[in-house]
Amino acid sequence: MDYIQTHLDRDLSLAEVAGVINISPTYFASLFKQAMGISPHQHVIQQRVEKAKLMLKRTNLAIADLALQVGFSSQSHLTQQFKRITGMTPKQVR
């Protein structure tokens, strides 16, 4: 969890995260879903949205720049995932 939180701004692959604790990606994904109730990928997306939400309230960064800083590929990707999870757009939160 700490590794994911620390590296949200990077492209986190399942293999990379599983490698941190030295288990296979398939086994890691299975254990993670069992423990957390969601896939590792969905957890990463949720954590990125939460970080974006905080940054929207605390900074004046352009939403496009903020999206890249929290690990989304574009403002559009951030907006899509943000709205799916929160029901609002980043602009509405700001």
PDB file of N, CA and C in Angstrom:
ATOM      1  N   MET A   1       0.825  -1.183   0.000  1.00  0.00           N
ATOM      2  CA  MET A   1       0.000   0.000   0.000  1.00  0.00           C
ATOM      3  C   MET A   1       0.874   1.254   0.000  1.00  0.00           C
ATOM      4  N   ASP A   2       1.924   1.234   0.805  1.00  0.00           N
ATOM      5  CA  ASP A   2       2.831   2.391   0.845  1.00  0.00           C
ATOM      6  C   ASP A   2       3.510   2.599  -0.502  1.00  0.00           C
ATOM      7  N   TYR A   3       3.927   1.499  -1.122  1.00  0.00           N
ATOM      8  CA  TYR A   3       4.593   1.602  -2.416  1.00  0.00           C
ATOM      9  C   TYR A   3       3.663   2.221  -3.447  1.00  0.00           C
ATOM     10  N   ILE A   4       2.429   1.758  -3.469  1.00  0.00           N
ATOM     11  CA  ILE A   4       1.452   2.301  -4.419  1.00  0.00           C
ATOM     12  C   ILE A   4       1.251   3.785  -4.163  1.00  0.00           C
ATOM     13  N   GLN A   5       1.026   4.153  -2.914  1.00  0.00           N
ATOM     14  CA  GLN A   5       0.783   5.554  -2.571  1.00  0.00           C
ATOM     15  C   GLN A   5       1.974   6.444  -2.947  1.00  0.00           C
ATOM     16  N   THR A   6       3.169   5.958  -2.726  1.00  0.00           N
ATOM     17  CA  THR A   6       4.377   6.730  -3.014  1.00  0.00           C
ATOM     18  C   THR A   6       4.615   6.907  -4.507  1.00  0.00           C
ATOM     19  N   HIS A   7       4.175   5.934  -5.305  1.00  0.00           N
ATOM     20  CA  HIS A   7       4.469   5.946  -6.736  1.00  0.00           C
ATOM     21  C   HIS A   7       3.233   6.149  -7.622  1.00  0.00           C
ATOM     22  N   LEU A   8       2.217   6.815  -7.111  1.00  0.00           N
ATOM     23  CA  LEU A   8       0.997   7.043  -7.888  1.00  0.00           C
ATOM     24  C   LEU A   8       1.254   7.776  -9.196  1.00  0.00           C
ATOM     25  N   ASP A   9       2.253   8.625  -9.210  1.00  0.00           N
ATOM     26  CA  ASP A   9       2.523   9.437 -10.399  1.00  0.00           C
ATOM     27  C   ASP A   9       3.151   8.632 -11.535  1.00  0.00           C
ATOM     28  N   ARG A  10       3.527   7.388 -11.262  1.00  0.00           N
ATOM     29  CA  ARG A  10       4.158   6.540 -12.284  1.00  0.00           C
ATOM     30  C   ARG A  10       3.154   5.578 -12.876  1.00  0.00           C
ATOM     31  N   ASP A  11       3.548   4.952 -13.967  1.00  0.00           N
ATOM     32  CA  ASP A  11       2.750   3.894 -14.575  1.00  0.00           C
ATOM     33  C   ASP A  11       3.018   2.625 -13.772  1.00  0.00           C
ATOM     34  N   LEU A  12       2.144   2.314 -12.841  1.00  0.00           N
ATOM     35  CA  LEU A  12       2.343   1.170 -11.957  1.00  0.00           C
ATOM     36  C   LEU A  12       1.794  -0.102 -12.594  1.00  0.00           C
ATOM     37  N   SER A  13       2.683  -1.000 -12.948  1.00  0.00           N
ATOM     38  CA  SER A  13       2.230  -2.274 -13.508  1.00  0.00           C
ATOM     39  C   SER A  13       2.018  -3.276 -12.383  1.00  0.00           C
ATOM     40  N   LEU A  14       1.199  -4.239 -12.650  1.00  0.00           N
ATOM     41  CA  LEU A  14       0.951  -5.309 -11.694  1.00  0.00           C
ATOM     42  C   LEU A  14       2.258  -6.039 -11.364  1.00  0.00           C
ATOM     43  N   ALA A  15       3.060  -6.276 -12.388  1.00  0.00           N
ATOM     44  CA  ALA A  15       4.341  -6.974 -12.199  1.00  0.00           C
ATOM     45  C   ALA A  15       5.276  -6.170 -11.290  1.00  0.00           C
ATOM     46  N   GLU A  16       5.287  -4.867 -11.462  1.00  0.00           N
ATOM     47  CA  GLU A  16       6.162  -4.019 -10.639  1.00  0.00           C
ATOM     48  C   GLU A  16       5.753  -4.073  -9.172  1.00  0.00           C
ATOM     49  N   VAL A  17       4.472  -3.911  -8.918  1.00  0.00           N
ATOM     50  CA  VAL A  17       3.996  -3.899  -7.537  1.00  0.00           C
ATOM     51  C   VAL A  17       4.157  -5.277  -6.897  1.00  0.00           C
ATOM     52  N   ALA A  18       3.859  -6.336  -7.623  1.00  0.00           N
ATOM     53  CA  ALA A  18       4.033  -7.694  -7.098  1.00  0.00           C
ATOM     54  C   ALA A  18       5.504  -7.977  -6.823  1.00  0.00           C
ATOM     55  N   GLY A  19       6.375  -7.438  -7.669  1.00  0.00           N
ATOM     56  CA  GLY A  19       7.808  -7.634  -7.491  1.00  0.00           C
ATOM     57  C   GLY A  19       8.334  -7.028  -6.209  1.00  0.00           C
ATOM     58  N   VAL A  20       7.693  -5.979  -5.735  1.00  0.00           N
ATOM     59  CA  VAL A  20       8.120  -5.332  -4.490  1.00  0.00           C
ATOM     60  C   VAL A  20       8.022  -6.307  -3.316  1.00  0.00           C
ATOM     61  N   ILE A  21       7.011  -7.165  -3.337  1.00  0.00           N
ATOM     62  CA  ILE A  21       6.874  -8.139  -2.255  1.00  0.00           C
ATOM     63  C   ILE A  21       7.258  -9.554  -2.701  1.00  0.00           C
ATOM     64  N   ASN A  22       7.847  -9.627  -3.888  1.00  0.00           N
ATOM     65  CA  ASN A  22       8.441 -10.856  -4.400  1.00  0.00           C
ATOM     66  C   ASN A  22       7.459 -12.021  -4.557  1.00  0.00           C
ATOM     67  N   ILE A  23       6.298 -11.720  -5.178  1.00  0.00           N
ATOM     68  CA  ILE A  23       5.357 -12.777  -5.530  1.00  0.00           C
ATOM     69  C   ILE A  23       4.917 -12.574  -6.980  1.00  0.00           C
ATOM     70  N   SER A  24       4.281 -13.581  -7.543  1.00  0.00           N
ATOM     71  CA  SER A  24       3.855 -13.474  -8.936  1.00  0.00           C
ATOM     72  C   SER A  24       2.719 -12.457  -9.063  1.00  0.00           C
ATOM     73  N   PRO A  25       2.635 -11.794 -10.215  1.00  0.00           N
ATOM     74  CA  PRO A  25       1.561 -10.822 -10.424  1.00  0.00           C
ATOM     75  C   PRO A  25       0.164 -11.428 -10.271  1.00  0.00           C
ATOM     76  N   THR A  26      -0.022 -12.638 -10.754  1.00  0.00           N
ATOM     77  CA  THR A  26      -1.336 -13.285 -10.657  1.00  0.00           C
ATOM     78  C   THR A  26      -1.711 -13.555  -9.201  1.00  0.00           C
ATOM     79  N   TYR A  27      -0.751 -14.053  -8.452  1.00  0.00           N
ATOM     80  CA  TYR A  27      -0.999 -14.341  -7.041  1.00  0.00           C
ATOM     81  C   TYR A  27      -1.240 -13.046  -6.268  1.00  0.00           C
ATOM     82  N   PHE A  28      -0.454 -12.026  -6.566  1.00  0.00           N
ATOM     83  CA  PHE A  28      -0.632 -10.726  -5.917  1.00  0.00           C
ATOM     84  C   PHE A  28      -2.033 -10.182  -6.186  1.00  0.00           C
ATOM     85  N   ALA A  29      -2.462 -10.221  -7.448  1.00  0.00           N
ATOM     86  CA  ALA A  29      -3.788  -9.695  -7.810  1.00  0.00           C
ATOM     87  C   ALA A  29      -4.886 -10.451  -7.066  1.00  0.00           C
ATOM     88  N   SER A  30      -4.726 -11.743  -6.952  1.00  0.00           N
ATOM     89  CA  SER A  30      -5.709 -12.561  -6.248  1.00  0.00           C
ATOM     90  C   SER A  30      -5.753 -12.212  -4.763  1.00  0.00           C
ATOM     91  N   LEU A  31      -4.602 -12.133  -4.128  1.00  0.00           N
ATOM     92  CA  LEU A  31      -4.548 -11.785  -2.704  1.00  0.00           C
ATOM     93  C   LEU A  31      -5.077 -10.374  -2.453  1.00  0.00           C
ATOM     94  N   PHE A  32      -4.713  -9.458  -3.318  1.00  0.00           N
ATOM     95  CA  PHE A  32      -5.134  -8.063  -3.170  1.00  0.00           C
ATOM     96  C   PHE A  32      -6.653  -7.972  -3.240  1.00  0.00           C
ATOM     97  N   LYS A  33      -7.232  -8.602  -4.247  1.00  0.00           N
ATOM     98  CA  LYS A  33      -8.690  -8.545  -4.409  1.00  0.00           C
ATOM     99  C   LYS A  33      -9.395  -9.199  -3.226  1.00  0.00           C
ATOM    100  N   GLN A  34      -8.838 -10.270  -2.728  1.00  0.00           N
ATOM    101  CA  GLN A  34      -9.398 -10.948  -1.564  1.00  0.00           C
ATOM    102  C   GLN A  34      -9.386 -10.026  -0.341  1.00  0.00           C
ATOM    103  N   ALA A  35      -8.289  -9.330  -0.142  1.00  0.00           N
ATOM    104  CA  ALA A  35      -8.133  -8.468   1.032  1.00  0.00           C
ATOM    105  C   ALA A  35      -8.872  -7.143   0.913  1.00  0.00           C
ATOM    106  N   MET A  36      -8.863  -6.563  -0.288  1.00  0.00           N
ATOM    107  CA  MET A  36      -9.391  -5.214  -0.462  1.00  0.00           C
ATOM    108  C   MET A  36     -10.778  -5.162  -1.101  1.00  0.00           C
ATOM    109  N   GLY A  37     -11.180  -6.227  -1.772  1.00  0.00           N
ATOM    110  CA  GLY A  37     -12.476  -6.254  -2.422  1.00  0.00           C
ATOM    111  C   GLY A  37     -12.505  -5.626  -3.805  1.00  0.00           C
ATOM    112  N   ILE A  38     -11.378  -5.098  -4.250  1.00  0.00           N
ATOM    113  CA  ILE A  38     -11.252  -4.529  -5.596  1.00  0.00           C
ATOM    114  C   ILE A  38      -9.906  -4.932  -6.177  1.00  0.00           C
ATOM    115  N   SER A  39      -9.773  -4.802  -7.489  1.00  0.00           N
ATOM    116  CA  SER A  39      -8.507  -5.157  -8.138  1.00  0.00           C
ATOM    117  C   SER A  39      -7.432  -4.118  -7.806  1.00  0.00           C
ATOM    118  N   PRO A  40      -6.167  -4.502  -7.930  1.00  0.00           N
ATOM    119  CA  PRO A  40      -5.093  -3.532  -7.711  1.00  0.00           C
ATOM    120  C   PRO A  40      -5.231  -2.307  -8.625  1.00  0.00           C
ATOM    121  N   HIS A  41      -5.625  -2.536  -9.869  1.00  0.00           N
ATOM    122  CA  HIS A  41      -5.769  -1.426 -10.816  1.00  0.00           C
ATOM    123  C   HIS A  41      -6.837  -0.442 -10.342  1.00  0.00           C
ATOM    124  N   GLN A  42      -7.976  -0.954  -9.905  1.00  0.00           N
ATOM    125  CA  GLN A  42      -9.038  -0.073  -9.423  1.00  0.00           C
ATOM    126  C   GLN A  42      -8.611   0.674  -8.163  1.00  0.00           C
ATOM    127  N   HIS A  43      -7.835   0.029  -7.322  1.00  0.00           N
ATOM    128  CA  HIS A  43      -7.311   0.693  -6.124  1.00  0.00           C
ATOM    129  C   HIS A  43      -6.408   1.861  -6.512  1.00  0.00           C
ATOM    130  N   VAL A  44      -5.537   1.628  -7.471  1.00  0.00           N
ATOM    131  CA  VAL A  44      -4.641   2.693  -7.933  1.00  0.00           C
ATOM    132  C   VAL A  44      -5.457   3.859  -8.487  1.00  0.00           C
ATOM    133  N   ILE A  45      -6.466   3.576  -9.291  1.00  0.00           N
ATOM    134  CA  ILE A  45      -7.320   4.632  -9.850  1.00  0.00           C
ATOM    135  C   ILE A  45      -7.989   5.405  -8.725  1.00  0.00           C
ATOM    136  N   GLN A  46      -8.543   4.708  -7.739  1.00  0.00           N
ATOM    137  CA  GLN A  46      -9.199   5.374  -6.615  1.00  0.00           C
ATOM    138  C   GLN A  46      -8.228   6.254  -5.842  1.00  0.00           C
ATOM    139  N   GLN A  47      -7.025   5.765  -5.628  1.00  0.00           N
ATOM    140  CA  GLN A  47      -6.029   6.548  -4.894  1.00  0.00           C
ATOM    141  C   GLN A  47      -5.614   7.790  -5.680  1.00  0.00           C
ATOM    142  N   ARG A  48      -5.503   7.658  -6.987  1.00  0.00           N
ATOM    143  CA  ARG A  48      -5.173   8.810  -7.829  1.00  0.00           C
ATOM    144  C   ARG A  48      -6.282   9.857  -7.780  1.00  0.00           C
ATOM    145  N   VAL A  49      -7.520   9.406  -7.806  1.00  0.00           N
ATOM    146  CA  VAL A  49      -8.653  10.338  -7.728  1.00  0.00           C
ATOM    147  C   VAL A  49      -8.655  11.038  -6.375  1.00  0.00           C
ATOM    148  N   GLU A  50      -8.399  10.311  -5.306  1.00  0.00           N
ATOM    149  CA  GLU A  50      -8.354  10.930  -3.972  1.00  0.00           C
ATOM    150  C   GLU A  50      -7.246  11.975  -3.880  1.00  0.00           C
ATOM    151  N   LYS A  51      -6.088  11.646  -4.424  1.00  0.00           N
ATOM    152  CA  LYS A  51      -4.981  12.606  -4.413  1.00  0.00           C
ATOM    153  C   LYS A  51      -5.332  13.835  -5.257  1.00  0.00           C
ATOM    154  N   ALA A  52      -5.970  13.613  -6.394  1.00  0.00           N
ATOM    155  CA  ALA A  52      -6.383  14.728  -7.255  1.00  0.00           C
ATOM    156  C   ALA A  52      -7.386  15.616  -6.522  1.00  0.00           C
ATOM    157  N   LYS A  53      -8.305  14.993  -5.813  1.00  0.00           N
ATOM    158  CA  LYS A  53      -9.318  15.746  -5.070  1.00  0.00           C
ATOM    159  C   LYS A  53      -8.654  16.680  -4.050  1.00  0.00           C
ATOM    160  N   LEU A  54      -7.677  16.167  -3.323  1.00  0.00           N
ATOM    161  CA  LEU A  54      -6.942  17.000  -2.363  1.00  0.00           C
ATOM    162  C   LEU A  54      -6.207  18.136  -3.059  1.00  0.00           C
ATOM    163  N   MET A  55      -5.542  17.807  -4.159  1.00  0.00           N
ATOM    164  CA  MET A  55      -4.770  18.831  -4.877  1.00  0.00           C
ATOM    165  C   MET A  55      -5.679  19.893  -5.491  1.00  0.00           C
ATOM    166  N   LEU A  56      -6.867  19.511  -5.914  1.00  0.00           N
ATOM    167  CA  LEU A  56      -7.806  20.488  -6.472  1.00  0.00           C
ATOM    168  C   LEU A  56      -8.195  21.524  -5.421  1.00  0.00           C
ATOM    169  N   LYS A  57      -8.299  21.078  -4.190  1.00  0.00           N
ATOM    170  CA  LYS A  57      -8.697  21.972  -3.100  1.00  0.00           C
ATOM    171  C   LYS A  57      -7.538  22.790  -2.554  1.00  0.00           C
ATOM    172  N   ARG A  58      -6.315  22.266  -2.669  1.00  0.00           N
ATOM    173  CA  ARG A  58      -5.159  22.896  -2.021  1.00  0.00           C
ATOM    174  C   ARG A  58      -4.222  23.654  -2.957  1.00  0.00           C
ATOM    175  N   THR A  59      -4.361  23.443  -4.266  1.00  0.00           N
ATOM    176  CA  THR A  59      -3.452  24.105  -5.203  1.00  0.00           C
ATOM    177  C   THR A  59      -4.250  24.814  -6.294  1.00  0.00           C
ATOM    178  N   ASN A  60      -3.543  25.625  -7.046  1.00  0.00           N
ATOM    179  CA  ASN A  60      -4.148  26.288  -8.203  1.00  0.00           C
ATOM    180  C   ASN A  60      -3.610  25.728  -9.513  1.00  0.00           C
ATOM    181  N   LEU A  61      -3.017  24.541  -9.451  1.00  0.00           N
ATOM    182  CA  LEU A  61      -2.486  23.916 -10.664  1.00  0.00           C
ATOM    183  C   LEU A  61      -3.592  23.736 -11.697  1.00  0.00           C
ATOM    184  N   ALA A  62      -3.227  23.891 -12.944  1.00  0.00           N
ATOM    185  CA  ALA A  62      -4.175  23.600 -14.014  1.00  0.00           C
ATOM    186  C   ALA A  62      -4.568  22.124 -13.910  1.00  0.00           C
ATOM    187  N   ILE A  63      -5.803  21.817 -14.214  1.00  0.00           N
ATOM    188  CA  ILE A  63      -6.290  20.448 -14.084  1.00  0.00           C
ATOM    189  C   ILE A  63      -5.482  19.489 -14.950  1.00  0.00           C
ATOM    190  N   ALA A  64      -5.062  19.927 -16.116  1.00  0.00           N
ATOM    191  CA  ALA A  64      -4.244  19.072 -16.994  1.00  0.00           C
ATOM    192  C   ALA A  64      -2.907  18.738 -16.328  1.00  0.00           C
ATOM    193  N   ASP A  65      -2.280  19.711 -15.680  1.00  0.00           N
ATOM    194  CA  ASP A  65      -1.010  19.475 -14.991  1.00  0.00           C
ATOM    195  C   ASP A  65      -1.214  18.574 -13.775  1.00  0.00           C
ATOM    196  N   LEU A  66      -2.279  18.822 -13.064  1.00  0.00           N
ATOM    197  CA  LEU A  66      -2.605  18.025 -11.897  1.00  0.00           C
ATOM    198  C   LEU A  66      -2.823  16.568 -12.293  1.00  0.00           C
ATOM    199  N   ALA A  67      -3.515  16.347 -13.405  1.00  0.00           N
ATOM    200  CA  ALA A  67      -3.774  14.988 -13.892  1.00  0.00           C
ATOM    201  C   ALA A  67      -2.469  14.233 -14.093  1.00  0.00           C
ATOM    202  N   LEU A  68      -1.497  14.873 -14.708  1.00  0.00           N
ATOM    203  CA  LEU A  68      -0.204  14.220 -14.943  1.00  0.00           C
ATOM    204  C   LEU A  68       0.530  13.965 -13.633  1.00  0.00           C
ATOM    205  N   GLN A  69       0.426  14.880 -12.686  1.00  0.00           N
ATOM    206  CA  GLN A  69       1.133  14.720 -11.410  1.00  0.00           C
ATOM    207  C   GLN A  69       0.596  13.568 -10.569  1.00  0.00           C
ATOM    208  N   VAL A  70      -0.674  13.233 -10.736  1.00  0.00           N
ATOM    209  CA  VAL A  70      -1.225  12.117  -9.964  1.00  0.00           C
ATOM    210  C   VAL A  70      -1.236  10.810 -10.753  1.00  0.00           C
ATOM    211  N   GLY A  71      -0.684  10.825 -11.971  1.00  0.00           N
ATOM    212  CA  GLY A  71      -0.481   9.583 -12.709  1.00  0.00           C
ATOM    213  C   GLY A  71      -1.466   9.269 -13.815  1.00  0.00           C
ATOM    214  N   PHE A  72      -2.384  10.188 -14.117  1.00  0.00           N
ATOM    215  CA  PHE A  72      -3.283   9.959 -15.247  1.00  0.00           C
ATOM    216  C   PHE A  72      -2.581  10.364 -16.533  1.00  0.00           C
ATOM    217  N   SER A  73      -2.977   9.748 -17.627  1.00  0.00           N
ATOM    218  CA  SER A  73      -2.323  10.017 -18.907  1.00  0.00           C
ATOM    219  C   SER A  73      -2.739  11.357 -19.503  1.00  0.00           C
ATOM    220  N   SER A  74      -3.900  11.876 -19.081  1.00  0.00           N
ATOM    221  CA  SER A  74      -4.392  13.142 -19.626  1.00  0.00           C
ATOM    222  C   SER A  74      -5.479  13.709 -18.715  1.00  0.00           C
ATOM    223  N   GLN A  75      -5.845  14.945 -18.976  1.00  0.00           N
ATOM    224  CA  GLN A  75      -6.939  15.573 -18.244  1.00  0.00           C
ATOM    225  C   GLN A  75      -8.234  14.808 -18.496  1.00  0.00           C
ATOM    226  N   SER A  76      -8.410  14.360 -19.722  1.00  0.00           N
ATOM    227  CA  SER A  76      -9.609  13.612 -20.089  1.00  0.00           C
ATOM    228  C   SER A  76      -9.738  12.324 -19.282  1.00  0.00           C
ATOM    229  N   HIS A  77      -8.627  11.608 -19.135  1.00  0.00           N
ATOM    230  CA  HIS A  77      -8.634  10.362 -18.361  1.00  0.00           C
ATOM    231  C   HIS A  77      -8.958  10.654 -16.898  1.00  0.00           C
ATOM    232  N   LEU A  78      -8.365  11.696 -16.338  1.00  0.00           N
ATOM    233  CA  LEU A  78      -8.671  12.092 -14.967  1.00  0.00           C
ATOM    234  C   LEU A  78     -10.162  12.400 -14.832  1.00  0.00           C
ATOM    235  N   THR A  79     -10.681  13.218 -15.722  1.00  0.00           N
ATOM    236  CA  THR A  79     -12.079  13.635 -15.642  1.00  0.00           C
ATOM    237  C   THR A  79     -13.017  12.436 -15.719  1.00  0.00           C
ATOM    238  N   GLN A  80     -12.730  11.526 -16.633  1.00  0.00           N
ATOM    239  CA  GLN A  80     -13.557  10.330 -16.789  1.00  0.00           C
ATOM    240  C   GLN A  80     -13.592   9.508 -15.506  1.00  0.00           C
ATOM    241  N   GLN A  81     -12.422   9.213 -14.949  1.00  0.00           N
ATOM    242  CA  GLN A  81     -12.344   8.389 -13.741  1.00  0.00           C
ATOM    243  C   GLN A  81     -12.864   9.145 -12.515  1.00  0.00           C
ATOM    244  N   PHE A  82     -12.575  10.432 -12.450  1.00  0.00           N
ATOM    245  CA  PHE A  82     -13.020  11.266 -11.344  1.00  0.00           C
ATOM    246  C   PHE A  82     -14.546  11.276 -11.270  1.00  0.00           C
ATOM    247  N   LYS A  83     -15.175  11.483 -12.414  1.00  0.00           N
ATOM    248  CA  LYS A  83     -16.640  11.534 -12.468  1.00  0.00           C
ATOM    249  C   LYS A  83     -17.243  10.166 -12.141  1.00  0.00           C
ATOM    250  N   ARG A  84     -16.618   9.099 -12.616  1.00  0.00           N
ATOM    251  CA  ARG A  84     -17.108   7.749 -12.340  1.00  0.00           C
ATOM    252  C   ARG A  84     -17.089   7.463 -10.841  1.00  0.00           C
ATOM    253  N   ILE A  85     -16.044   7.907 -10.156  1.00  0.00           N
ATOM    254  CA  ILE A  85     -15.872   7.594  -8.737  1.00  0.00           C
ATOM    255  C   ILE A  85     -16.612   8.577  -7.832  1.00  0.00           C
ATOM    256  N   THR A  86     -16.567   9.864  -8.148  1.00  0.00           N
ATOM    257  CA  THR A  86     -17.138  10.866  -7.253  1.00  0.00           C
ATOM    258  C   THR A  86     -18.505  11.393  -7.689  1.00  0.00           C
ATOM    259  N   GLY A  87     -18.826  11.211  -8.957  1.00  0.00           N
ATOM    260  CA  GLY A  87     -20.088  11.742  -9.470  1.00  0.00           C
ATOM    261  C   GLY A  87     -19.980  13.203  -9.893  1.00  0.00           C
ATOM    262  N   MET A  88     -18.784  13.768  -9.762  1.00  0.00           N
ATOM    263  CA  MET A  88     -18.543  15.163 -10.142  1.00  0.00           C
ATOM    264  C   MET A  88     -17.311  15.249 -11.016  1.00  0.00           C
ATOM    265  N   THR A  89     -17.157  16.364 -11.707  1.00  0.00           N
ATOM    266  CA  THR A  89     -15.950  16.599 -12.485  1.00  0.00           C
ATOM    267  C   THR A  89     -14.929  17.305 -11.610  1.00  0.00           C
ATOM    268  N   PRO A  90     -13.653  17.253 -12.001  1.00  0.00           N
ATOM    269  CA  PRO A  90     -12.648  17.996 -11.235  1.00  0.00           C
ATOM    270  C   PRO A  90     -12.977  19.480 -11.121  1.00  0.00           C
ATOM    271  N   LYS A  91     -13.499  20.054 -12.204  1.00  0.00           N
ATOM    272  CA  LYS A  91     -13.837  21.470 -12.187  1.00  0.00           C
ATOM    273  C   LYS A  91     -14.927  21.769 -11.160  1.00  0.00           C
ATOM    274  N   GLN A  92     -15.896  20.900 -11.028  1.00  0.00           N
ATOM    275  CA  GLN A  92     -16.955  21.085 -10.029  1.00  0.00           C
ATOM    276  C   GLN A  92     -16.398  21.059  -8.614  1.00  0.00           C
ATOM    277  N   VAL A  93     -15.420  20.204  -8.381  1.00  0.00           N
ATOM    278  CA  VAL A  93     -14.808  20.117  -7.045  1.00  0.00           C
ATOM    279  C   VAL A  93     -13.985  21.360  -6.748  1.00  0.00           C
ATOM    280  N   ARG A  94     -13.301  21.845  -7.746  1.00  0.00           N
ATOM    281  CA  ARG A  94     -12.488  23.046  -7.537  1.00  0.00           C
ATOM    282  C   ARG A  94     -13.394  24.221  -7.241  1.00  0.00           C
TER     283      ARG A  94
END
